[in-house]
């Protein structure tokens, strides 16, 4: 986290703390398990108006996004699925692409 803080990022201790005072949370996370924990775990982002998931486009992730959307809908949180395509090479080149579904 230190390199991001040096560039102006703000370190927090939890996903819930990170979204305090915001309406829309963006998440680009490495696994379905982490995505679930951040979305509706004990210290998750529940409480925002919308959550945009930018995790990779794989069948297991799509299934996870549907489960997250169903769970967060109980708290009136909208979920948008916006997978990122291009991988590390695209990130370095500044050519990542994203699609949005909701």
C-alpha atoms as a PDB file:
ATOM      1  CA  UNK A   1       0.000   0.000   0.000  1.00  0.00           C
ATOM      2  CA  UNK A   2       2.921   2.343   0.660  1.00  0.00           C
ATOM      3  CA  UNK A   3       3.537   3.236  -3.031  1.00  0.00           C
ATOM      4  CA  UNK A   4      -0.125   4.185  -3.436  1.00  0.00           C
ATOM      5  CA  UNK A   5      -0.146   6.296  -0.280  1.00  0.00           C
ATOM      6  CA  UNK A   6       2.963   8.130  -1.518  1.00  0.00           C
ATOM      7  CA  UNK A   7       0.968   9.011  -4.645  1.00  0.00           C
ATOM      8  CA  UNK A   8      -1.963  10.395  -2.665  1.00  0.00           C
ATOM      9  CA  UNK A   9      -3.951   7.259  -1.829  1.00  0.00           C
ATOM     10  CA  UNK A  10      -5.540   6.909   1.582  1.00  0.00           C
ATOM     11  CA  UNK A  11      -4.853   3.756   3.587  1.00  0.00           C
ATOM     12  CA  UNK A  12      -7.767   2.233   5.491  1.00  0.00           C
ATOM     13  CA  UNK A  13      -8.102  -0.789   7.723  1.00  0.00           C
ATOM     14  CA  UNK A  14     -11.167  -2.318   6.046  1.00  0.00           C
ATOM     15  CA  UNK A  15     -13.393  -2.163   2.974  1.00  0.00           C
ATOM     16  CA  UNK A  16     -16.143  -0.533   5.068  1.00  0.00           C
ATOM     17  CA  UNK A  17     -13.761   2.199   6.220  1.00  0.00           C
ATOM     18  CA  UNK A  18     -12.632   2.720   2.612  1.00  0.00           C
ATOM     19  CA  UNK A  19     -16.168   3.473   1.423  1.00  0.00           C
ATOM     20  CA  UNK A  20     -17.233   5.701   4.311  1.00  0.00           C
ATOM     21  CA  UNK A  21     -18.877   8.778   2.821  1.00  0.00           C
ATOM     22  CA  UNK A  22     -19.019   7.507  -0.773  1.00  0.00           C
ATOM     23  CA  UNK A  23     -22.027   6.452  -2.848  1.00  0.00           C
ATOM     24  CA  UNK A  24     -20.297   4.199  -5.384  1.00  0.00           C
ATOM     25  CA  UNK A  25     -17.565   1.657  -4.632  1.00  0.00           C
ATOM     26  CA  UNK A  26     -15.333   0.156  -7.328  1.00  0.00           C
ATOM     27  CA  UNK A  27     -13.677  -3.196  -6.663  1.00  0.00           C
ATOM     28  CA  UNK A  28     -11.138  -5.088  -8.772  1.00  0.00           C
ATOM     29  CA  UNK A  29     -10.317  -8.124  -6.688  1.00  0.00           C
ATOM     30  CA  UNK A  30      -8.278 -11.299  -7.259  1.00  0.00           C
ATOM     31  CA  UNK A  31     -10.677 -14.119  -6.290  1.00  0.00           C
ATOM     32  CA  UNK A  32     -14.390 -14.849  -5.843  1.00  0.00           C
ATOM     33  CA  UNK A  33     -13.803 -15.407  -2.113  1.00  0.00           C
ATOM     34  CA  UNK A  34     -12.223 -11.981  -1.665  1.00  0.00           C
ATOM     35  CA  UNK A  35     -15.001 -10.416  -3.748  1.00  0.00           C
ATOM     36  CA  UNK A  36     -17.658 -11.946  -1.481  1.00  0.00           C
ATOM     37  CA  UNK A  37     -15.866 -10.844   1.699  1.00  0.00           C
ATOM     38  CA  UNK A  38     -15.494  -7.277   0.450  1.00  0.00           C
ATOM     39  CA  UNK A  39     -19.082  -7.111  -0.782  1.00  0.00           C
ATOM     40  CA  UNK A  40     -20.963  -8.445   2.225  1.00  0.00           C
ATOM     41  CA  UNK A  41     -18.538  -9.752   4.801  1.00  0.00           C
ATOM     42  CA  UNK A  42     -18.580  -8.507   8.390  1.00  0.00           C
ATOM     43  CA  UNK A  43     -16.518  -5.479   7.361  1.00  0.00           C
ATOM     44  CA  UNK A  44     -17.737  -5.242   3.758  1.00  0.00           C
ATOM     45  CA  UNK A  45     -18.938  -2.350   1.634  1.00  0.00           C
ATOM     46  CA  UNK A  46     -22.640  -2.862   2.330  1.00  0.00           C
ATOM     47  CA  UNK A  47     -24.099   0.613   2.755  1.00  0.00           C
ATOM     48  CA  UNK A  48     -23.050   2.243  -0.514  1.00  0.00           C
ATOM     49  CA  UNK A  49     -25.656   2.976  -3.195  1.00  0.00           C
ATOM     50  CA  UNK A  50     -23.806   1.016  -5.872  1.00  0.00           C
ATOM     51  CA  UNK A  51     -20.900  -1.395  -6.142  1.00  0.00           C
ATOM     52  CA  UNK A  52     -19.045  -1.784  -9.448  1.00  0.00           C
ATOM     53  CA  UNK A  53     -17.186  -5.087  -9.679  1.00  0.00           C
ATOM     54  CA  UNK A  54     -14.256  -4.942 -12.090  1.00  0.00           C
ATOM     55  CA  UNK A  55     -12.956  -8.475 -11.521  1.00  0.00           C
ATOM     56  CA  UNK A  56     -11.842 -10.643 -14.426  1.00  0.00           C
ATOM     57  CA  UNK A  57     -14.339 -12.253 -16.769  1.00  0.00           C
ATOM     58  CA  UNK A  58     -14.370 -15.975 -15.888  1.00  0.00           C
ATOM     59  CA  UNK A  59     -17.386 -18.235 -15.324  1.00  0.00           C
ATOM     60  CA  UNK A  60     -16.642 -18.593 -11.582  1.00  0.00           C
ATOM     61  CA  UNK A  61     -16.443 -14.805 -11.253  1.00  0.00           C
ATOM     62  CA  UNK A  62     -19.706 -14.284 -13.151  1.00  0.00           C
ATOM     63  CA  UNK A  63     -21.446 -16.709 -10.766  1.00  0.00           C
ATOM     64  CA  UNK A  64     -19.968 -14.787  -7.825  1.00  0.00           C
ATOM     65  CA  UNK A  65     -21.160 -11.431  -9.185  1.00  0.00           C
ATOM     66  CA  UNK A  66     -24.705 -12.787  -9.467  1.00  0.00           C
ATOM     67  CA  UNK A  67     -24.576 -13.995  -5.848  1.00  0.00           C
ATOM     68  CA  UNK A  68     -23.159 -10.656  -4.668  1.00  0.00           C
ATOM     69  CA  UNK A  69     -25.845  -8.738  -6.579  1.00  0.00           C
ATOM     70  CA  UNK A  70     -28.602 -10.874  -5.037  1.00  0.00           C
ATOM     71  CA  UNK A  71     -27.245 -10.408  -1.516  1.00  0.00           C
ATOM     72  CA  UNK A  72     -26.604  -6.666  -1.816  1.00  0.00           C
ATOM     73  CA  UNK A  73     -30.045  -6.114  -3.383  1.00  0.00           C
ATOM     74  CA  UNK A  74     -31.479  -6.984   0.050  1.00  0.00           C
ATOM     75  CA  UNK A  75     -29.861  -3.750   1.285  1.00  0.00           C
ATOM     76  CA  UNK A  76     -30.844  -1.708  -1.801  1.00  0.00           C
ATOM     77  CA  UNK A  77     -27.284  -1.701  -3.162  1.00  0.00           C
ATOM     78  CA  UNK A  78     -27.105  -1.819  -6.972  1.00  0.00           C
ATOM     79  CA  UNK A  79     -24.336  -3.945  -8.484  1.00  0.00           C
ATOM     80  CA  UNK A  80     -22.757  -3.352 -11.877  1.00  0.00           C
ATOM     81  CA  UNK A  81     -20.514  -5.975 -13.432  1.00  0.00           C
ATOM     82  CA  UNK A  82     -17.639  -4.281 -15.273  1.00  0.00           C
ATOM     83  CA  UNK A  83     -14.850  -6.784 -15.987  1.00  0.00           C
ATOM     84  CA  UNK A  84     -11.461  -5.449 -17.040  1.00  0.00           C
ATOM     85  CA  UNK A  85      -9.706  -6.967 -20.051  1.00  0.00           C
ATOM     86  CA  UNK A  86      -6.094  -6.605 -21.068  1.00  0.00           C
ATOM     87  CA  UNK A  87      -4.114  -8.037 -18.161  1.00  0.00           C
ATOM     88  CA  UNK A  88      -0.794  -6.738 -16.870  1.00  0.00           C
ATOM     89  CA  UNK A  89       0.434  -5.936 -20.399  1.00  0.00           C
ATOM     90  CA  UNK A  90      -2.628  -3.764 -21.045  1.00  0.00           C
ATOM     91  CA  UNK A  91      -2.220  -2.049 -17.676  1.00  0.00           C
ATOM     92  CA  UNK A  92       1.393  -1.126 -18.434  1.00  0.00           C
ATOM     93  CA  UNK A  93       0.440   0.110 -21.903  1.00  0.00           C
ATOM     94  CA  UNK A  94      -2.618   2.015 -20.674  1.00  0.00           C
ATOM     95  CA  UNK A  95      -4.890   0.056 -22.998  1.00  0.00           C
ATOM     96  CA  UNK A  96      -7.210  -1.810 -20.611  1.00  0.00           C
ATOM     97  CA  UNK A  97     -10.802  -2.234 -21.750  1.00  0.00           C
ATOM     98  CA  UNK A  98     -13.928  -2.637 -19.641  1.00  0.00           C
ATOM     99  CA  UNK A  99     -17.549  -3.519 -20.338  1.00  0.00           C
ATOM    100  CA  UNK A 100     -20.423  -2.675 -18.013  1.00  0.00           C
ATOM    101  CA  UNK A 101     -23.437  -4.878 -17.304  1.00  0.00           C
ATOM    102  CA  UNK A 102     -26.165  -4.075 -14.808  1.00  0.00           C
END
